[in-house]
PDB file of all heavy atoms in Angstrom:
ATOM      1  N   ASP A   1      25.715   9.958 -10.965  1.00  0.00           N
ATOM      2  CA  ASP A   1      26.440   9.892  -9.716  1.00  0.00           C
ATOM      3  C   ASP A   1      26.505  11.253  -9.021  1.00  0.00           C
ATOM      4  O   ASP A   1      27.086  11.346  -7.951  1.00  0.00           O
ATOM      5  CB  ASP A   1      27.805   9.259  -9.922  1.00  0.00           C
ATOM      6  CG  ASP A   1      28.651  10.011 -10.950  1.00  0.00           C
ATOM      7  OD1 ASP A   1      28.221  11.018 -11.461  1.00  0.00           O
ATOM      8  OD2 ASP A   1      29.814   9.565 -11.181  1.00  0.00           O
ATOM      9  N   ARG A   2      25.935  12.292  -9.634  1.00  0.00           N
ATOM     10  CA  ARG A   2      25.913  13.587  -8.974  1.00  0.00           C
ATOM     11  C   ARG A   2      24.709  14.391  -9.345  1.00  0.00           C
ATOM     12  O   ARG A   2      24.086  14.062 -10.356  1.00  0.00           O
ATOM     13  CB  ARG A   2      27.222  14.343  -9.250  1.00  0.00           C
ATOM     14  CG  ARG A   2      27.396  14.725 -10.662  1.00  0.00           C
ATOM     15  CD  ARG A   2      28.838  15.219 -10.893  1.00  0.00           C
ATOM     16  NE  ARG A   2      28.996  15.691 -12.252  1.00  0.00           N
ATOM     17  CZ  ARG A   2      29.147  16.947 -12.614  1.00  0.00           C
ATOM     18  NH1 ARG A   2      29.113  17.909 -11.730  1.00  0.00           N
ATOM     19  NH2 ARG A   2      29.287  17.259 -13.845  1.00  0.00           N
ATOM     20  N   PHE A   3      24.378  15.415  -8.522  1.00  0.00           N
ATOM     21  CA  PHE A   3      23.233  16.264  -8.772  1.00  0.00           C
ATOM     22  C   PHE A   3      23.454  17.614  -8.166  1.00  0.00           C
ATOM     23  O   PHE A   3      24.310  17.785  -7.288  1.00  0.00           O
ATOM     24  CB  PHE A   3      21.954  15.621  -8.223  1.00  0.00           C
ATOM     25  CG  PHE A   3      21.808  15.737  -6.714  1.00  0.00           C
ATOM     26  CD1 PHE A   3      21.098  16.788  -6.168  1.00  0.00           C
ATOM     27  CD2 PHE A   3      22.418  14.797  -5.872  1.00  0.00           C
ATOM     28  CE1 PHE A   3      21.015  16.888  -4.738  1.00  0.00           C
ATOM     29  CE2 PHE A   3      22.307  14.903  -4.522  1.00  0.00           C
ATOM     30  CZ  PHE A   3      21.604  15.944  -3.961  1.00  0.00           C
ATOM     31  N   PHE A   4      22.672  18.578  -8.637  1.00  0.00           N
ATOM     32  CA  PHE A   4      22.659  19.913  -8.039  1.00  0.00           C
ATOM     33  C   PHE A   4      21.237  20.266  -7.626  1.00  0.00           C
ATOM     34  O   PHE A   4      20.306  19.721  -8.201  1.00  0.00           O
ATOM     35  CB  PHE A   4      23.234  20.945  -8.976  1.00  0.00           C
ATOM     36  CG  PHE A   4      24.720  20.839  -9.105  1.00  0.00           C
ATOM     37  CD1 PHE A   4      25.297  20.168 -10.122  1.00  0.00           C
ATOM     38  CD2 PHE A   4      25.594  21.437  -8.168  1.00  0.00           C
ATOM     39  CE1 PHE A   4      26.710  20.044 -10.238  1.00  0.00           C
ATOM     40  CE2 PHE A   4      26.954  21.325  -8.293  1.00  0.00           C
ATOM     41  CZ  PHE A   4      27.501  20.615  -9.328  1.00  0.00           C
ATOM     42  N   THR A   5      21.098  21.224  -6.752  1.00  0.00           N
ATOM     43  CA  THR A   5      19.784  21.598  -6.239  1.00  0.00           C
ATOM     44  C   THR A   5      19.483  23.067  -6.648  1.00  0.00           C
ATOM     45  O   THR A   5      20.356  23.945  -6.638  1.00  0.00           O
ATOM     46  CB  THR A   5      19.818  21.489  -4.719  1.00  0.00           C
ATOM     47  OG1 THR A   5      20.115  20.143  -4.358  1.00  0.00           O
ATOM     48  CG2 THR A   5      18.471  21.865  -4.139  1.00  0.00           C
ATOM     49  N   ILE A   6      18.191  23.268  -6.949  1.00  0.00           N
ATOM     50  CA  ILE A   6      17.679  24.587  -7.224  1.00  0.00           C
ATOM     51  C   ILE A   6      16.652  24.910  -6.094  1.00  0.00           C
ATOM     52  O   ILE A   6      15.795  24.056  -5.830  1.00  0.00           O
ATOM     53  CB  ILE A   6      16.940  24.646  -8.609  1.00  0.00           C
ATOM     54  CG1 ILE A   6      17.828  24.099  -9.716  1.00  0.00           C
ATOM     55  CG2 ILE A   6      16.412  26.044  -8.909  1.00  0.00           C
ATOM     56  CD1 ILE A   6      19.150  24.789  -9.953  1.00  0.00           C
ATOM     57  N   ASP A   7      16.795  26.066  -5.448  1.00  0.00           N
ATOM     58  CA  ASP A   7      15.903  26.337  -4.328  1.00  0.00           C
ATOM     59  C   ASP A   7      14.548  26.828  -4.824  1.00  0.00           C
ATOM     60  O   ASP A   7      14.315  26.995  -6.028  1.00  0.00           O
ATOM     61  CB  ASP A   7      16.548  27.247  -3.275  1.00  0.00           C
ATOM     62  CG  ASP A   7      16.662  28.722  -3.753  1.00  0.00           C
ATOM     63  OD1 ASP A   7      16.085  29.107  -4.766  1.00  0.00           O
ATOM     64  OD2 ASP A   7      17.385  29.464  -3.100  1.00  0.00           O
ATOM     65  N   ASP A   8      13.629  27.123  -3.892  1.00  0.00           N
ATOM     66  CA  ASP A   8      12.237  27.474  -4.316  1.00  0.00           C
ATOM     67  C   ASP A   8      12.149  28.823  -5.011  1.00  0.00           C
ATOM     68  O   ASP A   8      11.135  29.172  -5.547  1.00  0.00           O
ATOM     69  CB  ASP A   8      11.316  27.384  -3.088  1.00  0.00           C
ATOM     70  CG  ASP A   8      11.702  28.321  -1.969  1.00  0.00           C
ATOM     71  OD1 ASP A   8      12.854  28.903  -2.001  1.00  0.00           O
ATOM     72  OD2 ASP A   8      10.920  28.459  -1.048  1.00  0.00           O
ATOM     73  N   ARG A   9      13.228  29.590  -4.972  1.00  0.00           N
ATOM     74  CA  ARG A   9      13.222  30.883  -5.746  1.00  0.00           C
ATOM     75  C   ARG A   9      13.806  30.722  -7.136  1.00  0.00           C
ATOM     76  O   ARG A   9      13.987  31.701  -7.847  1.00  0.00           O
ATOM     77  CB  ARG A   9      14.051  31.935  -4.933  1.00  0.00           C
ATOM     78  CG  ARG A   9      13.590  32.229  -3.539  1.00  0.00           C
ATOM     79  CD  ARG A   9      14.648  32.952  -2.740  1.00  0.00           C
ATOM     80  NE  ARG A   9      15.871  32.163  -2.664  1.00  0.00           N
ATOM     81  CZ  ARG A   9      17.026  32.577  -2.232  1.00  0.00           C
ATOM     82  NH1 ARG A   9      17.181  33.857  -1.889  1.00  0.00           N
ATOM     83  NH2 ARG A   9      18.030  31.808  -2.203  1.00  0.00           N
ATOM     84  N   GLY A  10      14.240  29.516  -7.454  1.00  0.00           N
ATOM     85  CA  GLY A  10      14.890  29.243  -8.749  1.00  0.00           C
ATOM     86  C   GLY A  10      16.373  29.501  -8.733  1.00  0.00           C
ATOM     87  O   GLY A  10      16.970  29.595  -9.744  1.00  0.00           O
ATOM     88  N   GLN A  11      16.941  29.675  -7.506  1.00  0.00           N
ATOM     89  CA  GLN A  11      18.406  29.968  -7.360  1.00  0.00           C
ATOM     90  C   GLN A  11      19.189  28.699  -7.255  1.00  0.00           C
ATOM     91  O   GLN A  11      18.759  27.743  -6.567  1.00  0.00           O
ATOM     92  CB  GLN A  11      18.591  30.825  -6.126  1.00  0.00           C
ATOM     93  CG  GLN A  11      17.895  32.178  -6.161  1.00  0.00           C
ATOM     94  CD  GLN A  11      18.440  33.100  -7.252  1.00  0.00           C
ATOM     95  OE1 GLN A  11      19.652  33.287  -7.305  1.00  0.00           O
ATOM     96  NE2 GLN A  11      17.554  33.602  -8.099  1.00  0.00           N
ATOM     97  N   PHE A  12      20.309  28.661  -7.888  1.00  0.00           N
ATOM     98  CA  PHE A  12      21.292  27.546  -7.886  1.00  0.00           C
ATOM     99  C   PHE A  12      21.960  27.472  -6.486  1.00  0.00           C
ATOM    100  O   PHE A  12      22.448  28.498  -5.946  1.00  0.00           O
ATOM    101  CB  PHE A  12      22.350  27.755  -8.947  1.00  0.00           C
ATOM    102  CG  PHE A  12      23.389  26.691  -8.991  1.00  0.00           C
ATOM    103  CD1 PHE A  12      23.121  25.391  -9.354  1.00  0.00           C
ATOM    104  CD2 PHE A  12      24.687  27.035  -8.661  1.00  0.00           C
ATOM    105  CE1 PHE A  12      24.142  24.469  -9.430  1.00  0.00           C
ATOM    106  CE2 PHE A  12      25.728  26.101  -8.719  1.00  0.00           C
ATOM    107  CZ  PHE A  12      25.382  24.803  -9.091  1.00  0.00           C
ATOM    108  N   VAL A  13      22.017  26.245  -5.914  1.00  0.00           N
ATOM    109  CA  VAL A  13      22.751  26.078  -4.653  1.00  0.00           C
ATOM    110  C   VAL A  13      24.018  25.373  -4.952  1.00  0.00           C
ATOM    111  O   VAL A  13      24.014  24.230  -5.527  1.00  0.00           O
ATOM    112  CB  VAL A  13      21.873  25.193  -3.673  1.00  0.00           C
ATOM    113  CG1 VAL A  13      22.630  25.000  -2.338  1.00  0.00           C
ATOM    114  CG2 VAL A  13      20.489  25.855  -3.410  1.00  0.00           C
ATOM    115  N   SER A  14      25.165  26.006  -4.608  1.00  0.00           N
ATOM    116  CA  SER A  14      26.438  25.421  -4.967  1.00  0.00           C
ATOM    117  C   SER A  14      26.737  24.073  -4.206  1.00  0.00           C
ATOM    118  O   SER A  14      26.175  23.868  -3.101  1.00  0.00           O
ATOM    119  CB  SER A  14      27.589  26.388  -4.687  1.00  0.00           C
ATOM    120  OG  SER A  14      27.732  26.579  -3.353  1.00  0.00           O
ATOM    121  N   GLY A  15      27.537  23.261  -4.762  1.00  0.00           N
ATOM    122  CA  GLY A  15      27.838  21.973  -4.201  1.00  0.00           C
ATOM    123  C   GLY A  15      28.433  21.959  -2.823  1.00  0.00           C
ATOM    124  O   GLY A  15      28.204  21.141  -1.978  1.00  0.00           O
ATOM    125  N   ASP A  16      29.287  23.010  -2.543  1.00  0.00           N
ATOM    126  CA  ASP A  16      29.904  23.060  -1.254  1.00  0.00           C
ATOM    127  C   ASP A  16      28.888  23.462  -0.186  1.00  0.00           C
ATOM    128  O   ASP A  16      28.914  22.900   0.942  1.00  0.00           O
ATOM    129  CB  ASP A  16      31.188  23.923  -1.208  1.00  0.00           C
ATOM    130  CG  ASP A  16      30.978  25.320  -1.798  1.00  0.00           C
ATOM    131  OD1 ASP A  16      29.916  25.562  -2.434  1.00  0.00           O
ATOM    132  OD2 ASP A  16      31.879  26.132  -1.596  1.00  0.00           O
ATOM    133  N   PHE A  17      27.977  24.347  -0.485  1.00  0.00           N
ATOM    134  CA  PHE A  17      26.968  24.737   0.474  1.00  0.00           C
ATOM    135  C   PHE A  17      26.017  23.595   0.798  1.00  0.00           C
ATOM    136  O   PHE A  17      25.625  23.349   1.917  1.00  0.00           O
ATOM    137  CB  PHE A  17      26.171  26.008   0.046  1.00  0.00           C
ATOM    138  CG  PHE A  17      27.022  27.245   0.071  1.00  0.00           C
ATOM    139  CD1 PHE A  17      26.604  28.409  -0.512  1.00  0.00           C
ATOM    140  CD2 PHE A  17      28.247  27.296   0.737  1.00  0.00           C
ATOM    141  CE1 PHE A  17      27.347  29.574  -0.471  1.00  0.00           C
ATOM    142  CE2 PHE A  17      29.017  28.434   0.796  1.00  0.00           C
ATOM    143  CZ  PHE A  17      28.615  29.562   0.154  1.00  0.00           C
ATOM    144  N   LEU A  18      25.739  22.825  -0.241  1.00  0.00           N
ATOM    145  CA  LEU A  18      24.836  21.653  -0.056  1.00  0.00           C
ATOM    146  C   LEU A  18      25.613  20.573   0.805  1.00  0.00           C
ATOM    147  O   LEU A  18      25.005  19.902   1.597  1.00  0.00           O
ATOM    148  CB  LEU A  18      24.384  21.040  -1.380  1.00  0.00           C
ATOM    149  CG  LEU A  18      23.149  20.154  -1.274  1.00  0.00           C
ATOM    150  CD1 LEU A  18      21.942  20.882  -0.690  1.00  0.00           C
ATOM    151  CD2 LEU A  18      22.755  19.540  -2.599  1.00  0.00           C
ATOM    152  N   THR A  19      26.894  20.487   0.609  1.00  0.00           N
ATOM    153  CA  THR A  19      27.711  19.593   1.388  1.00  0.00           C
ATOM    154  C   THR A  19      27.556  19.963   2.870  1.00  0.00           C
ATOM    155  O   THR A  19      27.370  19.122   3.745  1.00  0.00           O
ATOM    156  CB  THR A  19      29.204  19.639   1.004  1.00  0.00           C
ATOM    157  OG1 THR A  19      29.387  19.208  -0.348  1.00  0.00           O
ATOM    158  CG2 THR A  19      30.097  18.820   1.937  1.00  0.00           C
ATOM    159  N   ALA A  20      27.668  21.296   3.176  1.00  0.00           N
ATOM    160  CA  ALA A  20      27.548  21.747   4.572  1.00  0.00           C
ATOM    161  C   ALA A  20      26.130  21.467   5.129  1.00  0.00           C
ATOM    162  O   ALA A  20      26.048  21.000   6.240  1.00  0.00           O
ATOM    163  CB  ALA A  20      27.830  23.264   4.600  1.00  0.00           C
ATOM    164  N   LEU A  21      25.101  21.686   4.327  1.00  0.00           N
ATOM    165  CA  LEU A  21      23.740  21.409   4.771  1.00  0.00           C
ATOM    166  C   LEU A  21      23.516  19.941   5.081  1.00  0.00           C
ATOM    167  O   LEU A  21      22.946  19.553   6.126  1.00  0.00           O
ATOM    168  CB  LEU A  21      22.713  21.892   3.754  1.00  0.00           C
ATOM    169  CG  LEU A  21      22.510  23.429   3.600  1.00  0.00           C
ATOM    170  CD1 LEU A  21      21.728  23.743   2.340  1.00  0.00           C
ATOM    171  CD2 LEU A  21      21.793  23.950   4.817  1.00  0.00           C
ATOM    172  N   MET A  22      23.971  19.096   4.169  1.00  0.00           N
ATOM    173  CA  MET A  22      23.745  17.671   4.326  1.00  0.00           C
ATOM    174  C   MET A  22      24.640  17.108   5.503  1.00  0.00           C
ATOM    175  O   MET A  22      24.237  16.201   6.220  1.00  0.00           O
ATOM    176  CB  MET A  22      24.061  16.906   3.046  1.00  0.00           C
ATOM    177  CG  MET A  22      22.973  17.198   2.000  1.00  0.00           C
ATOM    178  SD  MET A  22      23.320  16.572   0.375  1.00  0.00           S
ATOM    179  CE  MET A  22      23.029  14.846   0.611  1.00  0.00           C
ATOM    180  N   ALA A  23      25.819  17.731   5.670  1.00  0.00           N
ATOM    181  CA  ALA A  23      26.668  17.340   6.796  1.00  0.00           C
ATOM    182  C   ALA A  23      25.952  17.593   8.105  1.00  0.00           C
ATOM    183  O   ALA A  23      26.001  16.786   9.035  1.00  0.00           O
ATOM    184  CB  ALA A  23      27.983  18.141   6.744  1.00  0.00           C
ATOM    185  N   GLN A  24      25.275  18.797   8.223  1.00  0.00           N
ATOM    186  CA  GLN A  24      24.556  19.106   9.436  1.00  0.00           C
ATOM    187  C   GLN A  24      23.441  18.043   9.714  1.00  0.00           C
ATOM    188  O   GLN A  24      23.231  17.629  10.868  1.00  0.00           O
ATOM    189  CB  GLN A  24      23.956  20.486   9.342  1.00  0.00           C
ATOM    190  CG  GLN A  24      25.025  21.566   9.397  1.00  0.00           C
ATOM    191  CD  GLN A  24      24.447  22.977   9.105  1.00  0.00           C
ATOM    192  OE1 GLN A  24      23.706  23.165   8.194  1.00  0.00           O
ATOM    193  NE2 GLN A  24      24.811  23.932   9.967  1.00  0.00           N
TER     194      GLN A  24
END
């Protein structure tokens, strides 16, 4: 029921920042 994202540099993207991106 949940997931996290790793960007193309191998860096972890926090859940609140992904919330902001998906909200946009």
